[in-house]
N, C-alpha and C. Protein backbone atom coordinates (compact mmCIF):
# COMPACT_ATOMS: atom_id res chain seq x y z
N UNK A 1 1.08 -1.51 0.11
CA UNK A 1 -0.37 0.10 -0.24
C UNK A 1 1.26 0.95 0.01
N UNK A 2 0.56 1.95 -0.65
CA UNK A 2 1.60 3.29 -0.72
C UNK A 2 0.17 4.82 -0.58
N UNK A 3 0.37 5.88 0.59
CA UNK A 3 -0.40 6.78 0.24
C UNK A 3 -1.62 6.00 0.95
N UNK A 4 -1.95 4.59 1.54
CA UNK A 4 -3.38 4.65 1.56
C UNK A 4 -4.95 3.40 0.58
N UNK A 5 -2.87 3.52 -0.60
CA UNK A 5 -4.17 2.05 -1.82
C UNK A 5 -3.24 2.07 -2.47
N UNK A 6 -3.74 0.45 -3.14
CA UNK A 6 -3.02 -0.50 -3.36
C UNK A 6 -1.90 -0.31 -4.85
N UNK A 7 -0.92 -0.94 -4.46
CA UNK A 7 -0.22 -0.71 -5.53
C UNK A 7 0.03 -2.43 -5.53
N UNK A 8 -0.47 -2.32 -7.38
CA UNK A 8 -0.20 -3.98 -7.65
C UNK A 8 1.20 -3.99 -8.09
N UNK A 9 1.21 -4.97 -9.45
CA UNK A 9 2.67 -5.54 -10.14
C UNK A 9 2.31 -4.86 -11.90
N UNK A 10 2.92 -4.89 -11.89
CA UNK A 10 3.02 -4.35 -14.06
C UNK A 10 1.82 -6.21 -14.59
N UNK A 11 0.82 -5.60 -14.67
CA UNK A 11 0.50 -7.07 -15.60
C UNK A 11 1.63 -7.46 -16.41
N UNK A 12 1.90 -8.63 -16.72
CA UNK A 12 3.14 -9.81 -16.81
C UNK A 12 2.28 -10.44 -18.57
N UNK A 13 2.05 -10.77 -19.23
CA UNK A 13 1.71 -11.43 -20.16
C UNK A 13 2.34 -12.79 -19.51
N UNK A 14 3.75 -12.75 -19.42
CA UNK A 14 4.06 -14.91 -19.82
C UNK A 14 3.54 -15.02 -18.78
N UNK A 15 3.21 -14.53 -16.91
CA UNK A 15 2.97 -14.59 -16.45
C UNK A 15 1.33 -16.04 -16.52
N UNK A 16 1.78 -17.51 -15.30
CA UNK A 16 0.64 -18.41 -15.76
C UNK A 16 -0.70 -17.77 -15.19
N UNK A 17 -1.59 -18.52 -16.06
CA UNK A 17 -2.77 -17.71 -16.51
C UNK A 17 -3.29 -18.99 -15.33
N UNK A 18 -3.09 -20.73 -15.00
CA UNK A 18 -3.50 -21.37 -14.23
C UNK A 18 -2.62 -21.65 -12.88
N UNK A 19 -3.30 -21.63 -11.79
CA UNK A 19 -3.03 -20.70 -10.27
C UNK A 19 -3.34 -22.03 -9.70
N UNK A 20 -3.29 -23.23 -10.10
CA UNK A 20 -4.01 -24.78 -9.44
C UNK A 20 -3.26 -25.75 -9.93
N UNK A 21 -2.63 -26.71 -9.81
CA UNK A 21 -2.15 -27.50 -10.06
C UNK A 21 -2.69 -28.63 -10.02
N UNK A 22 -3.98 -28.83 -9.78
CA UNK A 22 -5.32 -29.42 -9.98
C UNK A 22 -5.73 -29.62 -10.80
N UNK A 23 -5.45 -27.74 -11.31
CA UNK A 23 -6.00 -27.09 -12.70
C UNK A 23 -4.85 -27.71 -14.04
N UNK A 24 -3.43 -27.51 -13.95
CA UNK A 24 -2.27 -28.04 -15.14
C UNK A 24 -2.42 -29.67 -15.44
N UNK A 25 -2.71 -29.86 -13.94
CA UNK A 25 -2.68 -32.00 -14.29
C UNK A 25 -4.71 -32.09 -15.40
N UNK A 26 -5.35 -31.40 -15.01
CA UNK A 26 -6.80 -31.78 -15.81
C UNK A 26 -6.64 -30.76 -17.13
N UNK A 27 -4.96 -29.67 -17.42
CA UNK A 27 -5.32 -29.49 -18.53
C UNK A 27 -4.57 -30.04 -19.15
N UNK A 28 -3.55 -30.82 -19.18
CA UNK A 28 -2.98 -32.16 -19.61
C UNK A 28 -2.79 -33.30 -20.03
N UNK A 29 -3.46 -33.70 -18.93
CA UNK A 29 -4.89 -35.07 -18.71
C UNK A 29 -5.78 -34.08 -19.25
N UNK A 30 -5.71 -35.08 -20.00
CA UNK A 30 -7.86 -34.23 -21.09
C UNK A 30 -9.23 -35.90 -20.48
N UNK A 31 -8.76 -36.69 -19.96
CA UNK A 31 -9.06 -38.30 -20.23
C UNK A 31 -9.90 -38.01 -19.14
N UNK A 32 -8.88 -36.92 -17.59
CA UNK A 32 -10.07 -37.00 -15.98
C UNK A 32 -10.17 -35.48 -15.87
N UNK A 33 -9.97 -34.58 -17.07
CA UNK A 33 -10.86 -33.73 -16.86
C UNK A 33 -12.40 -33.14 -16.77
N UNK A 34 -13.28 -33.93 -17.46
CA UNK A 34 -14.73 -34.31 -16.92
C UNK A 34 -14.82 -33.86 -15.70
N UNK A 35 -14.39 -35.13 -14.86
CA UNK A 35 -14.82 -36.14 -13.61
C UNK A 35 -14.18 -34.61 -13.43
N UNK A 36 -13.47 -34.06 -13.70
CA UNK A 36 -12.21 -33.96 -11.69
C UNK A 36 -13.24 -33.03 -11.85
N UNK A 37 -13.53 -31.88 -13.22
CA UNK A 37 -14.50 -30.60 -13.40
C UNK A 37 -15.26 -29.70 -12.65
N UNK A 38 -16.31 -31.37 -12.71
CA UNK A 38 -17.81 -31.99 -12.77
C UNK A 38 -17.15 -31.70 -10.89
N UNK A 39 -16.24 -32.07 -10.19
CA UNK A 39 -15.96 -32.02 -8.31
C UNK A 39 -15.70 -31.17 -8.09
N UNK A 40 -15.17 -29.98 -8.23
CA UNK A 40 -14.66 -28.30 -8.39
C UNK A 40 -16.46 -28.10 -7.96
N UNK A 41 -15.71 -27.19 -6.80
CA UNK A 41 -17.05 -26.51 -6.14
C UNK A 41 -17.72 -25.43 -7.55
N UNK A 42 -18.53 -24.74 -7.35
CA UNK A 42 -18.37 -23.71 -8.15
C UNK A 42 -18.42 -22.36 -8.04
N UNK A 43 -17.62 -21.64 -8.46
CA UNK A 43 -17.15 -19.77 -7.65
C UNK A 43 -18.19 -18.87 -8.07
N UNK A 44 -17.99 -18.17 -7.64
CA UNK A 44 -18.41 -17.20 -7.47
C UNK A 44 -19.94 -16.46 -9.54
N UNK A 45 -20.46 -15.88 -9.68
CA UNK A 45 -21.28 -16.57 -11.09
C UNK A 45 -20.32 -15.63 -11.59
N UNK A 46 -19.30 -14.64 -11.49
CA UNK A 46 -18.17 -14.12 -12.14
C UNK A 46 -17.15 -15.51 -12.94
N UNK A 47 -17.45 -16.17 -12.19
CA UNK A 47 -15.96 -16.85 -13.08
C UNK A 47 -16.26 -17.16 -14.48
N UNK A 48 -14.94 -16.80 -15.57
CA UNK A 48 -15.03 -16.66 -16.88
C UNK A 48 -14.28 -18.47 -17.46
N UNK A 49 -15.07 -18.44 -18.23
CA UNK A 49 -15.16 -20.12 -19.33
C UNK A 49 -14.96 -20.58 -19.50
N UNK A 50 -13.46 -20.90 -20.22
CA UNK A 50 -12.82 -20.66 -21.49
C UNK A 50 -13.26 -21.28 -22.65
N UNK A 51 -12.68 -19.83 -23.33
CA UNK A 51 -13.88 -20.27 -24.88
C UNK A 51 -13.59 -21.38 -25.46
N UNK A 52 -14.29 -22.32 -26.04
CA UNK A 52 -14.07 -23.89 -27.00
C UNK A 52 -14.57 -23.17 -28.41
N UNK A 53 -13.46 -23.80 -28.98
CA UNK A 53 -13.62 -23.27 -30.10
C UNK A 53 -14.80 -24.14 -31.18
N UNK A 54 -15.39 -23.85 -32.06
CA UNK A 54 -15.84 -25.52 -32.96
C UNK A 54 -14.68 -25.35 -33.73
N UNK A 55 -15.28 -27.07 -34.03
CA UNK A 55 -14.86 -27.59 -35.16
C UNK A 55 -14.35 -27.85 -35.83
N UNK A 56 -14.57 -26.50 -36.79
CA UNK A 56 -13.91 -26.31 -37.72
C UNK A 56 -13.46 -24.91 -38.06
N UNK A 57 -13.59 -24.71 -37.34
CA UNK A 57 -13.33 -22.95 -37.31
C UNK A 57 -11.72 -22.70 -37.35
N UNK A 58 -11.02 -21.77 -38.22
CA UNK A 58 -10.03 -21.25 -37.90
C UNK A 58 -9.73 -20.15 -37.22
N UNK A 59 -8.90 -19.64 -36.92
CA UNK A 59 -8.23 -18.02 -36.65
C UNK A 59 -6.88 -17.65 -37.21
N UNK A 60 -6.99 -17.28 -37.25
CA UNK A 60 -5.37 -15.82 -37.89
C UNK A 60 -4.12 -15.85 -36.06
N UNK A 61 -3.55 -15.47 -36.51
CA UNK A 61 -3.02 -15.71 -35.85
C UNK A 61 -3.27 -13.89 -34.32
N UNK A 62 -3.21 -13.28 -34.31
CA UNK A 62 -4.05 -12.06 -33.81
C UNK A 62 -5.52 -12.56 -33.36
N UNK A 63 -6.48 -13.23 -33.75
CA UNK A 63 -7.05 -13.76 -32.88
C UNK A 63 -7.01 -14.91 -31.57
N UNK A 64 -6.25 -15.64 -32.56
CA UNK A 64 -5.52 -17.13 -31.50
C UNK A 64 -4.90 -16.27 -30.27
N UNK A 65 -4.35 -15.60 -30.18
CA UNK A 65 -2.96 -14.23 -29.55
C UNK A 65 -4.60 -13.65 -28.43
N UNK A 66 -6.08 -12.59 -28.76
CA UNK A 66 -6.30 -12.31 -27.74
C UNK A 66 -6.88 -13.66 -27.42
N UNK A 67 -7.25 -14.46 -27.73
CA UNK A 67 -8.18 -15.74 -27.63
C UNK A 67 -7.67 -16.04 -26.11
N UNK A 68 -6.18 -16.12 -26.42
CA UNK A 68 -5.23 -17.30 -25.32
C UNK A 68 -4.62 -16.78 -24.11
N UNK A 69 -4.54 -14.92 -25.07
CA UNK A 69 -4.36 -13.43 -23.75
C UNK A 69 -2.48 -14.22 -24.33
N UNK A 70 -2.13 -14.54 -25.43
CA UNK A 70 -1.09 -14.79 -25.53
C UNK A 70 -0.17 -13.84 -25.91
N UNK A 71 0.85 -13.34 -25.46
CA UNK A 71 1.42 -12.11 -27.54
C UNK A 71 1.73 -13.29 -27.98
N UNK A 72 1.55 -12.22 -29.88
CA UNK A 72 1.53 -13.07 -30.27
C UNK A 72 3.14 -13.11 -31.13
N UNK A 73 4.60 -12.78 -30.60
CA UNK A 73 5.62 -12.43 -30.42
C UNK A 73 5.85 -14.67 -29.58
N UNK A 74 4.53 -14.85 -28.91
CA UNK A 74 5.21 -15.57 -28.09
C UNK A 74 5.04 -17.41 -28.80
N UNK A 75 4.11 -16.76 -29.90
CA UNK A 75 3.58 -17.59 -30.10
C UNK A 75 4.23 -17.96 -31.36
N UNK A 76 5.05 -17.25 -32.09
CA UNK A 76 5.85 -17.66 -33.15
C UNK A 76 7.04 -18.20 -32.21
N UNK A 77 7.88 -17.75 -31.34
CA UNK A 77 8.44 -18.13 -30.76
C UNK A 77 8.08 -19.97 -30.42
N UNK A 78 6.79 -20.56 -29.74
CA UNK A 78 6.30 -21.75 -30.15
C UNK A 78 6.26 -23.15 -30.99
N UNK A 79 6.08 -21.31 -32.43
CA UNK A 79 5.92 -22.28 -33.37
C UNK A 79 7.63 -22.90 -33.82
N UNK A 80 8.38 -22.07 -34.23
CA UNK A 80 10.09 -21.86 -33.80
C UNK A 80 10.60 -22.83 -33.65
N UNK A 81 9.90 -23.27 -31.95
CA UNK A 81 10.53 -24.42 -31.96
C UNK A 81 9.72 -26.22 -31.29
N UNK A 82 9.08 -25.38 -31.97
CA UNK A 82 7.94 -26.47 -33.04
C UNK A 82 7.48 -27.02 -31.78
N UNK A 83 6.69 -26.22 -31.43
CA UNK A 83 6.04 -26.52 -29.81
C UNK A 83 4.88 -26.63 -30.95
N UNK A 84 3.99 -25.57 -31.67
CA UNK A 84 2.77 -25.56 -31.89
C UNK A 84 3.82 -25.61 -33.01
N UNK A 85 1.93 -25.98 -33.68
CA UNK A 85 1.76 -26.03 -35.47
C UNK A 85 0.60 -25.37 -35.75
N UNK A 86 0.70 -24.01 -36.61
CA UNK A 86 -0.21 -23.37 -37.19
C UNK A 86 -1.04 -24.58 -37.78
N UNK A 87 -2.31 -24.46 -37.70
CA UNK A 87 -3.51 -25.23 -38.96
C UNK A 87 -2.69 -24.78 -41.17
N UNK A 88 -2.72 -23.32 -41.22
CA UNK A 88 -1.55 -23.13 -42.27
C UNK A 88 -0.82 -22.05 -42.19
N UNK A 89 0.54 -22.35 -42.51
CA UNK A 89 1.31 -21.30 -42.21
C UNK A 89 2.15 -21.14 -44.48
N UNK A 90 0.99 -19.59 -44.42
CA UNK A 90 1.99 -19.29 -45.24
C UNK A 90 2.67 -18.37 -46.09
N UNK A 91 3.34 -17.92 -46.94
CA UNK A 91 4.22 -16.91 -46.20
C UNK A 91 3.41 -15.31 -46.70
N UNK A 92 2.84 -15.96 -47.50
CA UNK A 92 1.86 -14.66 -48.22
C UNK A 92 0.56 -14.33 -47.17
N UNK A 93 -0.20 -15.58 -46.02
CA UNK A 93 -1.55 -15.78 -45.36
C UNK A 93 -1.17 -15.49 -44.15
N UNK A 94 -0.14 -15.83 -44.14
CA UNK A 94 0.61 -15.73 -42.23
C UNK A 94 -0.03 -17.17 -41.35
N UNK A 95 0.10 -17.25 -40.05
CA UNK A 95 -0.04 -18.32 -39.86
C UNK A 95 -1.57 -18.11 -39.01
N UNK A 96 -2.04 -18.94 -39.45
CA UNK A 96 -3.69 -19.71 -38.43
C UNK A 96 -4.16 -21.13 -37.18
N UNK A 97 -4.65 -21.18 -37.31
CA UNK A 97 -4.42 -21.91 -35.71
C UNK A 97 -6.25 -22.44 -35.22
N UNK A 98 -6.35 -23.22 -35.89
CA UNK A 98 -7.30 -24.36 -34.75
C UNK A 98 -7.78 -24.96 -33.60
N UNK A 99 -9.03 -25.52 -33.53
CA UNK A 99 -9.28 -25.78 -32.58
C UNK A 99 -8.11 -26.55 -31.61
N UNK A 100 -7.51 -27.84 -31.71
CA UNK A 100 -6.38 -27.65 -31.10
C UNK A 100 -5.49 -27.27 -31.69
N UNK A 101 -5.00 -26.54 -31.48
CA UNK A 101 -3.90 -25.65 -31.87
C UNK A 101 -3.98 -24.81 -31.09
N UNK A 102 -5.13 -24.48 -30.52
CA UNK A 102 -5.83 -23.67 -28.99
C UNK A 102 -5.02 -24.01 -28.15
N UNK A 103 -6.68 -25.38 -28.13
CA UNK A 103 -5.89 -26.03 -26.82
C UNK A 103 -4.02 -27.16 -26.68
N UNK A 104 -3.76 -26.57 -27.71
CA UNK A 104 -1.98 -27.37 -27.65
C UNK A 104 -0.91 -25.75 -26.62
N UNK A 105 -2.09 -24.88 -27.22
CA UNK A 105 -0.83 -23.65 -26.79
C UNK A 105 -2.18 -23.12 -25.40
N UNK A 106 -2.82 -23.33 -24.75
CA UNK A 106 -3.30 -22.97 -23.73
C UNK A 106 -2.23 -24.11 -22.80
N UNK A 107 -1.74 -26.46 -22.91
CA UNK A 107 -1.67 -26.79 -22.80
C UNK A 107 0.33 -26.26 -22.14
N UNK A 108 0.47 -25.32 -23.35
CA UNK A 108 2.13 -24.89 -23.62
C UNK A 108 1.99 -23.60 -21.76
N UNK A 109 0.94 -23.68 -22.75
CA UNK A 109 1.12 -21.84 -21.32
C UNK A 109 0.98 -22.22 -19.36
N UNK A 110 0.17 -23.52 -19.34
CA UNK A 110 -0.36 -24.59 -18.36
C UNK A 110 1.64 -25.13 -17.57
N UNK A 111 2.34 -25.79 -19.03
CA UNK A 111 3.10 -26.04 -18.99
C UNK A 111 4.47 -25.26 -18.38
N UNK A 112 4.19 -23.50 -18.75
CA UNK A 112 5.73 -22.98 -18.23
C UNK A 112 5.53 -22.21 -17.47
N UNK A 113 4.11 -22.33 -16.38
CA UNK A 113 4.23 -22.19 -15.81
C UNK A 113 4.74 -23.20 -14.38
N UNK A 114 5.11 -24.35 -15.01
CA UNK A 114 5.68 -24.64 -14.06
C UNK A 114 7.37 -25.41 -14.60
N UNK A 115 7.29 -25.68 -16.01
CA UNK A 115 8.81 -25.28 -16.23
C UNK A 115 9.14 -24.41 -17.00
N UNK A 116 8.97 -23.33 -16.41
CA UNK A 116 9.22 -21.78 -17.13
C UNK A 116 9.96 -21.77 -18.94
N UNK A 117 10.82 -21.44 -18.57
CA UNK A 117 11.19 -21.15 -20.33
C UNK A 117 11.62 -22.91 -20.75
N UNK A 118 11.99 -23.17 -20.66
CA UNK A 118 12.34 -24.35 -20.86
C UNK A 118 11.50 -25.22 -22.18
N UNK A 119 12.23 -24.83 -23.05
CA UNK A 119 11.06 -25.44 -24.71
C UNK A 119 11.34 -27.11 -25.28
N UNK A 120 12.85 -27.52 -23.78
CA UNK A 120 12.42 -28.66 -24.16
C UNK A 120 12.17 -29.77 -22.88
N UNK A 121 11.89 -29.55 -21.98
CA UNK A 121 11.34 -30.31 -21.03
C UNK A 121 9.31 -29.73 -21.72
N UNK A 122 9.35 -28.74 -22.12
CA UNK A 122 8.44 -28.72 -22.23
C UNK A 122 7.98 -29.58 -23.55
N UNK A 123 9.04 -29.78 -25.18
CA UNK A 123 8.02 -30.71 -25.91
C UNK A 123 8.06 -31.68 -25.53
N UNK A 124 8.80 -32.68 -24.39
CA UNK A 124 9.71 -33.42 -24.02
C UNK A 124 8.22 -34.22 -23.48
N UNK A 125 7.21 -33.62 -23.02
CA UNK A 125 6.21 -33.10 -21.27
C UNK A 125 5.19 -33.50 -22.91
N UNK A 126 4.25 -32.26 -23.21
CA UNK A 126 3.64 -32.72 -24.72
C UNK A 126 3.88 -34.38 -25.47
N UNK A 127 5.12 -34.55 -25.77
CA UNK A 127 5.39 -36.05 -26.75
C UNK A 127 5.02 -36.77 -26.18
N UNK A 128 5.32 -36.70 -24.84
CA UNK A 128 4.84 -38.18 -23.50
C UNK A 128 3.53 -38.33 -22.99
N UNK A 129 2.40 -37.39 -23.01
CA UNK A 129 1.53 -36.66 -22.88
C UNK A 129 0.73 -37.28 -24.40
N UNK A 130 0.69 -37.31 -25.19
CA UNK A 130 0.48 -37.36 -26.73
C UNK A 130 0.32 -39.00 -26.99
N UNK A 131 1.58 -39.81 -26.67
CA UNK A 131 1.94 -41.00 -26.81
C UNK A 131 0.63 -41.91 -25.31
N UNK A 132 0.97 -41.48 -24.84
CA UNK A 132 0.02 -41.01 -23.55
C UNK A 132 -0.91 -41.75 -24.18
N UNK A 133 -1.92 -40.31 -24.97
CA UNK A 133 -3.41 -40.90 -25.09
C UNK A 133 -2.89 -41.99 -26.49
N UNK A 134 -1.99 -41.77 -26.87
CA UNK A 134 -2.63 -42.89 -27.77
C UNK A 134 -2.13 -44.42 -27.38
N UNK A 135 -1.62 -44.41 -26.33
CA UNK A 135 -2.04 -45.53 -25.43
C UNK A 135 -3.26 -45.38 -25.46
N UNK A 136 -3.53 -45.24 -25.19
CA UNK A 136 -5.15 -45.01 -23.43
C UNK A 136 -6.34 -45.15 -24.94
N UNK A 137 -6.18 -44.98 -26.24
CA UNK A 137 -6.83 -44.92 -27.57
C UNK A 137 -7.09 -46.19 -28.03
N UNK A 138 -5.78 -46.71 -28.06
CA UNK A 138 -5.63 -48.45 -28.28
C UNK A 138 -5.90 -49.03 -27.86
N UNK A 139 -6.32 -49.25 -26.76
CA UNK A 139 -5.97 -49.42 -25.23
C UNK A 139 -7.59 -49.67 -24.99
N UNK A 140 -8.09 -48.81 -25.66
CA UNK A 140 -9.97 -48.17 -25.35
C UNK A 140 -10.57 -48.62 -26.61
N UNK A 141 -9.67 -49.69 -28.13
CA UNK A 141 -10.04 -49.91 -29.38
C UNK A 141 -10.04 -51.49 -29.12
N UNK A 142 -8.59 -51.57 -28.57
CA UNK A 142 -8.68 -52.86 -27.94
C UNK A 142 -9.54 -54.30 -27.61
N UNK A 143 -9.86 -52.93 -26.00
CA UNK A 143 -11.42 -53.56 -25.13
C UNK A 143 -12.58 -53.68 -26.09
N UNK A 144 -12.93 -52.33 -26.44
CA UNK A 144 -14.46 -52.81 -27.05
C UNK A 144 -13.48 -53.98 -28.24
N UNK A 145 -12.90 -54.24 -29.00
CA UNK A 145 -12.96 -55.62 -29.77
C UNK A 145 -13.33 -56.43 -29.81
N UNK A 146 -12.39 -56.68 -28.10
CA UNK A 146 -12.60 -57.83 -27.74
C UNK A 146 -13.78 -59.03 -26.79
N UNK A 147 -13.97 -56.89 -26.19
CA UNK A 147 -15.54 -57.08 -25.26
C UNK A 147 -17.11 -57.96 -26.62
N UNK A 148 -16.71 -56.97 -27.85
CA UNK A 148 -18.15 -57.02 -29.10
C UNK A 148 -17.31 -58.42 -29.85
N UNK A 149 -16.18 -59.19 -29.97
CA UNK A 149 -15.88 -60.58 -30.14
C UNK A 149 -16.68 -61.66 -29.94
N UNK A 150 -16.50 -61.99 -28.69
CA UNK A 150 -17.14 -63.02 -28.42
C UNK A 150 -18.66 -63.22 -29.08
N UNK A 151 -19.93 -61.98 -28.88
CA UNK A 151 -20.98 -61.52 -28.98
C UNK A 151 -20.94 -62.19 -30.78
N UNK A 152 -19.99 -61.61 -31.45
CA UNK A 152 -20.40 -61.21 -32.52
C UNK A 152 -20.12 -63.63 -33.66
N UNK A 153 -19.22 -64.16 -32.38
CA UNK A 153 -19.16 -65.67 -32.84
C UNK A 153 -19.67 -66.40 -32.20
N UNK A 154 -20.93 -65.97 -30.83
CA UNK A 154 -22.20 -66.24 -30.60
C UNK A 154 -23.36 -65.99 -31.33
N UNK A 155 -23.29 -65.31 -31.71
CA UNK A 155 -25.18 -64.86 -32.97
C UNK A 155 -24.41 -66.04 -33.57
N UNK A 156 -23.35 -66.06 -34.64
CA UNK A 156 -22.48 -66.77 -36.40
C UNK A 156 -23.37 -67.63 -36.35
N UNK A 157 -24.09 -67.79 -37.56
CA UNK A 157 -24.72 -69.34 -37.38
C UNK A 157 -24.31 -70.19 -38.43
N UNK A 158 -23.52 -69.58 -39.83
CA UNK A 158 -22.66 -70.03 -40.75
C UNK A 158 -21.25 -71.15 -40.06
N UNK A 159 -21.97 -71.88 -40.90
CA UNK A 159 -20.39 -73.57 -40.20
C UNK A 159 -19.76 -73.67 -41.19
N UNK A 160 -19.05 -73.84 -40.98
CA UNK A 160 -17.52 -74.62 -42.83
C UNK A 160 -17.06 -75.51 -42.73
N UNK A 161 -17.74 -76.22 -43.46
CA UNK A 161 -17.48 -78.10 -43.18
C UNK A 161 -16.29 -78.05 -44.56
């Protein structure tokens, strides 16, 4: 407090938007997001919900920057370090990002709150997270095929001689 007024530090675009370790885990691990988010108590009506872009939407780098509250330059640095890939990248048309790019950008920002500017570490975490998601998807599809396999055999009336 200075002269009876509260003084705030200047806003830093690099400050992490997520203040909770639980939110970080939910953002990285998409499979637990819906269940753990539902368990969290509701806050005041002033809480802001993240914008979830439609599947077919594509946004310019400026719109993406405003949507995620990350400077354009930072987004370009992430692209340079191959942490983020634009949906469209041409010299004439600029950078455009789709829903997956915006989600990836939010994950990168959440990881920066833990890892700082260790882009190699963030890349490793993103790669491992993607591999884990692929493994989970493979396990789910294998278990579905296994569950539906015996039902098909029982229902089969064809006999081969």
